């Protein structure tokens, strides 16, 4: 969602990283018995990893350590610097954008896309998007790919039109038609649920919605369709660590029937298995 970029304050932190990037992956990667340290955002990624740790890892011979972060930047910098071995919080458009902007070389683990969190529009004042008044303010996630994703969701529901060819880096500047003269407030993704009292609506990432006790399936006044959706969250590592046997074990566990059942039963459609 992992999921932040445009990458504001994080860019400063990552800047120090990019000055001295080395080829150091996980120092423990060659030791199949060492703990596998995985960074994740708390919900649902951390919860899914904790389920794997408690129910599946020991039998598979995997010593799993879960380290939770509440932003979309630190999990990647931690992998790049070798502080953790892997992370699980993001989708491919976000990772592509992050690598491009920060000179990092983090990659998706093959066959380890675990789940999709439908992006949703939430409001304390209206029950339908069509009820938004002219000049209404909509809060958007301020990282590049999720902002574009949010704008595409608004476009799919007829609120705006984007310029032809607007892709995964679309911003409000790419809005070609805005019949209601909507205003957009760009915020860090984690702040969006708290913004609901100050804006007319907010487009919120699934994990942050869940942490705020909002259900994409029940509370969103509009939500993404899972069909042909490029935003599945996956296990990621520093390039070269994909074949670490511990990583391969975790990839298999994360895409197991047990995890699929756990996702279906715990999240009731708010999180959807992607395998």
Protein backbone atom coordinates (compact mmCIF):
# COMPACT_ATOMS: atom_id res chain seq x y z
CA UNK A 1 0.00 0.00 0.00
CA UNK A 2 2.00 -0.50 1.11
CA UNK A 3 1.05 1.46 0.66
CA UNK A 4 4.77 8.93 1.33
CA UNK A 5 5.75 9.65 -2.21
CA UNK A 6 5.49 12.78 -4.06
CA UNK A 7 7.67 11.87 -1.49
CA UNK A 8 7.68 14.98 0.75
CA UNK A 9 9.48 14.64 4.06
CA UNK A 10 10.40 11.08 3.24
CA UNK A 11 12.40 12.27 0.25
CA UNK A 12 14.78 13.99 2.64
CA UNK A 13 15.30 10.79 4.57
CA UNK A 14 15.72 8.76 1.44
CA UNK A 15 18.11 11.34 0.03
CA UNK A 16 20.63 10.38 2.67
CA UNK A 17 20.10 6.79 1.69
CA UNK A 18 20.68 7.33 -2.01
CA UNK A 19 24.01 9.03 -1.38
CA UNK A 20 25.46 5.80 -0.14
CA UNK A 21 23.50 2.94 -1.62
CA UNK A 22 25.49 -0.24 -1.58
CA UNK A 23 24.81 -3.73 -2.73
CA UNK A 24 24.17 -4.88 0.79
CA UNK A 25 21.08 -7.01 0.98
CA UNK A 26 20.12 -8.83 4.11
CA UNK A 27 23.29 -9.86 5.87
CA UNK A 28 21.51 -12.94 7.13
CA UNK A 29 20.25 -13.95 3.69
CA UNK A 30 22.79 -16.76 3.34
CA UNK A 31 21.75 -18.32 6.64
CA UNK A 32 18.59 -20.33 6.08
CA UNK A 33 18.10 -20.67 9.85
CA UNK A 34 18.34 -16.96 10.70
CA UNK A 35 15.14 -15.07 11.52
CA UNK A 36 13.46 -13.48 8.51
CA UNK A 37 12.70 -9.85 9.39
CA UNK A 38 9.75 -8.43 7.47
CA UNK A 39 8.52 -4.83 7.56
CA UNK A 40 4.81 -4.20 7.14
CA UNK A 41 2.08 -1.69 7.78
CA UNK A 42 -0.13 -2.88 10.66
CA UNK A 43 -3.45 -3.55 8.91
CA UNK A 44 -3.96 -5.88 7.17
CA UNK A 45 -0.36 -6.76 6.27
CA UNK A 46 0.92 -6.98 9.83
CA UNK A 47 -2.11 -8.99 10.86
CA UNK A 48 -1.67 -11.42 7.97
CA UNK A 49 2.02 -11.85 8.75
CA UNK A 50 1.24 -12.40 12.43
CA UNK A 51 -1.24 -15.11 11.45
CA UNK A 52 1.49 -16.78 9.37
CA UNK A 53 3.97 -16.46 12.24
CA UNK A 54 1.58 -17.90 14.83
CA UNK A 55 -0.10 -20.61 12.77
CA UNK A 56 2.10 -21.66 9.85
CA UNK A 57 5.74 -20.58 10.12
CA UNK A 58 7.00 -23.01 12.77
CA UNK A 59 5.74 -26.05 10.87
CA UNK A 60 7.42 -24.74 7.72
CA UNK A 61 10.72 -24.25 9.56
CA UNK A 62 10.61 -20.47 9.28
CA UNK A 63 11.61 -18.10 12.08
CA UNK A 64 9.59 -14.98 11.23
CA UNK A 65 9.93 -11.54 12.82
CA UNK A 66 7.33 -8.89 11.97
CA UNK A 67 8.26 -5.21 12.27
CA UNK A 68 5.39 -2.76 11.84
CA UNK A 69 5.61 0.76 10.42
CA UNK A 70 2.83 3.29 9.96
CA UNK A 71 4.08 4.98 6.78
CA UNK A 72 4.71 3.98 3.18
CA UNK A 73 8.41 4.92 3.03
CA UNK A 74 10.30 3.39 5.96
CA UNK A 75 9.52 -0.22 4.96
CA UNK A 76 11.36 0.33 1.68
CA UNK A 77 14.31 2.24 3.12
CA UNK A 78 14.67 -0.46 5.78
CA UNK A 79 14.89 -3.15 3.09
CA UNK A 80 17.33 -1.13 1.01
CA UNK A 81 19.60 -0.52 4.01
CA UNK A 82 19.46 -4.15 5.12
CA UNK A 83 17.68 -3.40 8.39
CA UNK A 84 15.00 -5.92 7.42
CA UNK A 85 15.03 -8.72 4.86
CA UNK A 86 11.72 -8.05 3.13
CA UNK A 87 8.58 -5.98 3.27
CA UNK A 88 4.90 -6.46 2.60
CA UNK A 89 2.83 -3.31 2.19
CA UNK A 90 2.87 -2.02 -1.40
CA UNK A 91 1.68 -2.49 -4.97
CA UNK A 92 3.70 -2.39 -8.19
CA UNK A 93 2.89 1.16 -9.36
CA UNK A 94 4.00 2.51 -5.98
CA UNK A 95 7.20 0.45 -5.95
CA UNK A 96 8.08 1.50 -9.51
CA UNK A 97 7.63 5.14 -8.56
CA UNK A 98 9.61 4.74 -5.33
CA UNK A 99 12.56 3.05 -7.05
CA UNK A 100 12.62 5.69 -9.78
CA UNK A 101 12.61 8.61 -7.37
CA UNK A 102 15.03 7.21 -4.83
CA UNK A 103 17.51 5.12 -6.79
CA UNK A 104 16.58 2.00 -4.85
CA UNK A 105 16.50 -1.52 -6.30
CA UNK A 106 13.65 -3.26 -4.52
CA UNK A 107 11.73 -5.93 -6.42
CA UNK A 108 8.59 -7.98 -6.04
CA UNK A 109 9.09 -11.60 -5.04
CA UNK A 110 7.74 -13.84 -7.84
CA UNK A 111 4.35 -15.41 -7.17
CA UNK A 112 3.92 -13.54 -3.88
CA UNK A 113 1.06 -11.12 -4.56
CA UNK A 114 -1.17 -11.63 -1.54
CA UNK A 115 -4.12 -9.26 -1.40
CA UNK A 116 -5.92 -6.18 -2.69
CA UNK A 117 -7.32 -3.41 -0.50
CA UNK A 118 -10.05 -1.60 -2.45
CA UNK A 119 -9.57 2.17 -2.34
CA UNK A 120 -12.73 3.88 -1.12
CA UNK A 121 -14.37 7.30 -0.89
CA UNK A 122 -15.68 8.13 2.59
CA UNK A 123 -17.73 11.03 3.91
CA UNK A 124 -19.34 12.09 7.15
CA UNK A 125 -21.72 14.45 5.36
CA UNK A 126 -23.10 12.67 2.30
CA UNK A 127 -24.22 9.16 1.51
CA UNK A 128 -23.80 9.38 -2.27
CA UNK A 129 -21.11 10.96 -4.41
CA UNK A 130 -23.81 12.73 -6.40
CA UNK A 131 -24.82 14.58 -3.21
CA UNK A 132 -21.50 16.42 -3.04
CA UNK A 133 -22.11 20.12 -3.51
CA UNK A 134 -20.28 22.36 -5.94
CA UNK A 135 -16.94 23.47 -4.54
CA UNK A 136 -16.74 20.49 -2.18
CA UNK A 137 -13.29 19.53 -0.89
CA UNK A 138 -12.03 15.98 -1.36
CA UNK A 139 -8.90 14.81 0.44
CA UNK A 140 -6.52 12.61 -1.57
CA UNK A 141 -3.44 10.56 -0.63
CA UNK A 142 -0.39 12.63 -1.53
CA UNK A 143 1.89 9.86 -2.76
CA UNK A 144 2.11 9.80 -6.52
CA UNK A 145 0.59 6.45 -7.43
CA UNK A 146 -2.18 6.43 -4.84
CA UNK A 147 -3.17 9.99 -5.74
CA UNK A 148 -3.52 8.92 -9.36
CA UNK A 149 -5.45 5.87 -8.24
CA UNK A 150 -7.80 8.10 -6.22
CA UNK A 151 -8.37 10.43 -9.16
CA UNK A 152 -9.15 7.46 -11.41
CA UNK A 153 -11.71 6.28 -8.88
CA UNK A 154 -13.39 9.69 -8.94
CA UNK A 155 -13.31 9.62 -12.73
CA UNK A 156 -14.85 6.14 -12.81
CA UNK A 157 -17.74 7.51 -10.75
CA UNK A 158 -18.36 10.48 -13.04
CA UNK A 159 -17.10 13.30 -10.81
CA UNK A 160 -14.17 14.36 -12.99
CA UNK A 161 -12.48 13.59 -16.27
CA UNK A 162 -8.72 13.20 -16.59
CA UNK A 163 -6.65 14.22 -19.58
CA UNK A 164 -6.20 11.54 -22.22
CA UNK A 165 -3.24 9.36 -21.34
CA UNK A 166 -3.14 10.31 -17.66
CA UNK A 167 -1.43 7.34 -16.04
CA UNK A 168 -0.22 6.13 -12.66
CA UNK A 169 1.34 9.53 -11.93
CA UNK A 170 -1.76 11.66 -12.55
CA UNK A 171 -2.29 14.66 -10.25
CA UNK A 172 -5.08 17.25 -9.92
CA UNK A 173 -3.28 19.15 -12.69
CA UNK A 174 -4.37 16.36 -15.04
CA UNK A 175 -8.07 16.96 -14.38
CA UNK A 176 -9.56 18.01 -17.72
CA UNK A 177 -13.18 18.40 -16.62
CA UNK A 178 -14.48 19.21 -13.15
CA UNK A 179 -18.21 20.07 -13.42
CA UNK A 180 -18.66 20.55 -9.66
CA UNK A 181 -15.47 22.60 -9.28
CA UNK A 182 -14.27 20.17 -6.66
CA UNK A 183 -11.25 21.17 -4.64
CA UNK A 184 -8.56 18.66 -3.74
CA UNK A 185 -6.60 18.54 -0.50
CA UNK A 186 -3.47 16.39 -0.67
CA UNK A 187 -2.53 14.67 2.60
CA UNK A 188 -0.29 11.88 3.79
CA UNK A 189 -2.28 8.67 3.41
CA UNK A 190 -2.21 7.87 7.13
CA UNK A 191 -3.83 11.23 7.94
CA UNK A 192 -6.83 10.78 5.65
CA UNK A 193 -9.22 9.10 8.12
CA UNK A 194 -8.60 11.92 10.61
CA UNK A 195 -9.39 14.48 7.92
CA UNK A 196 -13.00 13.39 7.48
CA UNK A 197 -14.30 16.02 9.89
CA UNK A 198 -12.55 18.78 7.95
CA UNK A 199 -13.40 17.87 4.33
CA UNK A 200 -16.51 16.85 2.45
CA UNK A 201 -15.05 13.48 1.44
CA UNK A 202 -11.74 11.62 1.46
CA UNK A 203 -10.30 8.86 -0.69
CA UNK A 204 -8.70 6.46 1.77
CA UNK A 205 -6.42 3.45 1.30
CA UNK A 206 -7.92 0.22 2.55
CA UNK A 207 -5.40 -0.45 5.30
CA UNK A 208 -5.84 3.01 6.85
CA UNK A 209 -9.61 2.71 6.53
CA UNK A 210 -9.52 -0.56 8.46
CA UNK A 211 -7.32 0.96 11.18
CA UNK A 212 -9.95 3.71 11.57
CA UNK A 213 -12.77 1.13 11.81
CA UNK A 214 -14.06 2.03 8.35
CA UNK A 215 -15.13 -0.82 6.11
CA UNK A 216 -14.53 -0.41 2.37
CA UNK A 217 -17.34 -2.89 1.85
CA UNK A 218 -19.89 -1.15 4.11
CA UNK A 219 -18.87 2.46 4.75
CA UNK A 220 -17.41 3.64 1.45
CA UNK A 221 -19.76 5.65 -0.75
CA UNK A 222 -17.68 4.47 -3.74
CA UNK A 223 -14.97 1.83 -4.00
CA UNK A 224 -12.61 0.30 -6.51
CA UNK A 225 -13.52 -2.81 -8.40
CA UNK A 226 -11.11 -5.74 -7.90
CA UNK A 227 -11.40 -6.65 -11.57
CA UNK A 228 -8.19 -6.09 -13.57
CA UNK A 229 -6.76 -4.13 -10.67
CA UNK A 230 -2.97 -3.53 -10.70
CA UNK A 231 -2.79 -2.64 -7.02
CA UNK A 232 -2.31 -6.03 -5.37
CA UNK A 233 0.06 -5.98 -2.38
CA UNK A 234 3.06 -8.29 -2.47
CA UNK A 235 6.18 -9.46 -0.68
CA UNK A 236 9.23 -7.44 -1.78
CA UNK A 237 12.99 -7.68 -1.24
CA UNK A 238 16.21 -6.02 -2.30
CA UNK A 239 17.16 -7.20 -5.78
CA UNK A 240 19.18 -10.39 -5.52
CA UNK A 241 17.40 -11.70 -2.44
CA UNK A 242 14.43 -13.21 -4.28
CA UNK A 243 15.86 -16.74 -4.02
CA UNK A 244 16.62 -16.55 -0.30
CA UNK A 245 15.09 -19.83 0.91
CA UNK A 246 13.43 -18.06 3.84
CA UNK A 247 11.80 -15.60 1.45
CA UNK A 248 10.61 -18.44 -0.75
CA UNK A 249 9.09 -20.18 2.27
CA UNK A 250 7.25 -17.03 3.30
CA UNK A 251 5.98 -16.45 -0.24
CA UNK A 252 4.45 -19.93 -0.26
CA UNK A 253 2.86 -19.43 3.14
CA UNK A 254 1.41 -16.04 2.23
CA UNK A 255 -0.29 -17.53 -0.82
CA UNK A 256 -1.52 -20.68 0.91
CA UNK A 257 -5.15 -21.80 1.24
CA UNK A 258 -4.92 -21.12 4.98
CA UNK A 259 -4.07 -17.45 4.42
CA UNK A 260 -6.78 -17.09 1.80
CA UNK A 261 -9.33 -18.44 4.28
CA UNK A 262 -8.01 -16.13 7.00
CA UNK A 263 -8.40 -13.08 4.73
CA UNK A 264 -11.92 -14.06 3.70
CA UNK A 265 -13.10 -14.69 7.25
CA UNK A 266 -11.41 -11.77 9.00
CA UNK A 267 -12.00 -8.94 6.54
CA UNK A 268 -15.39 -9.76 5.02
CA UNK A 269 -14.59 -8.21 1.64
CA UNK A 270 -12.65 -5.22 2.93
CA UNK A 271 -9.49 -7.07 1.91
CA UNK A 272 -9.54 -9.49 -1.01
CA UNK A 273 -7.11 -12.36 -1.61
CA UNK A 274 -5.23 -11.84 -4.88
CA UNK A 275 -4.22 -15.47 -5.51
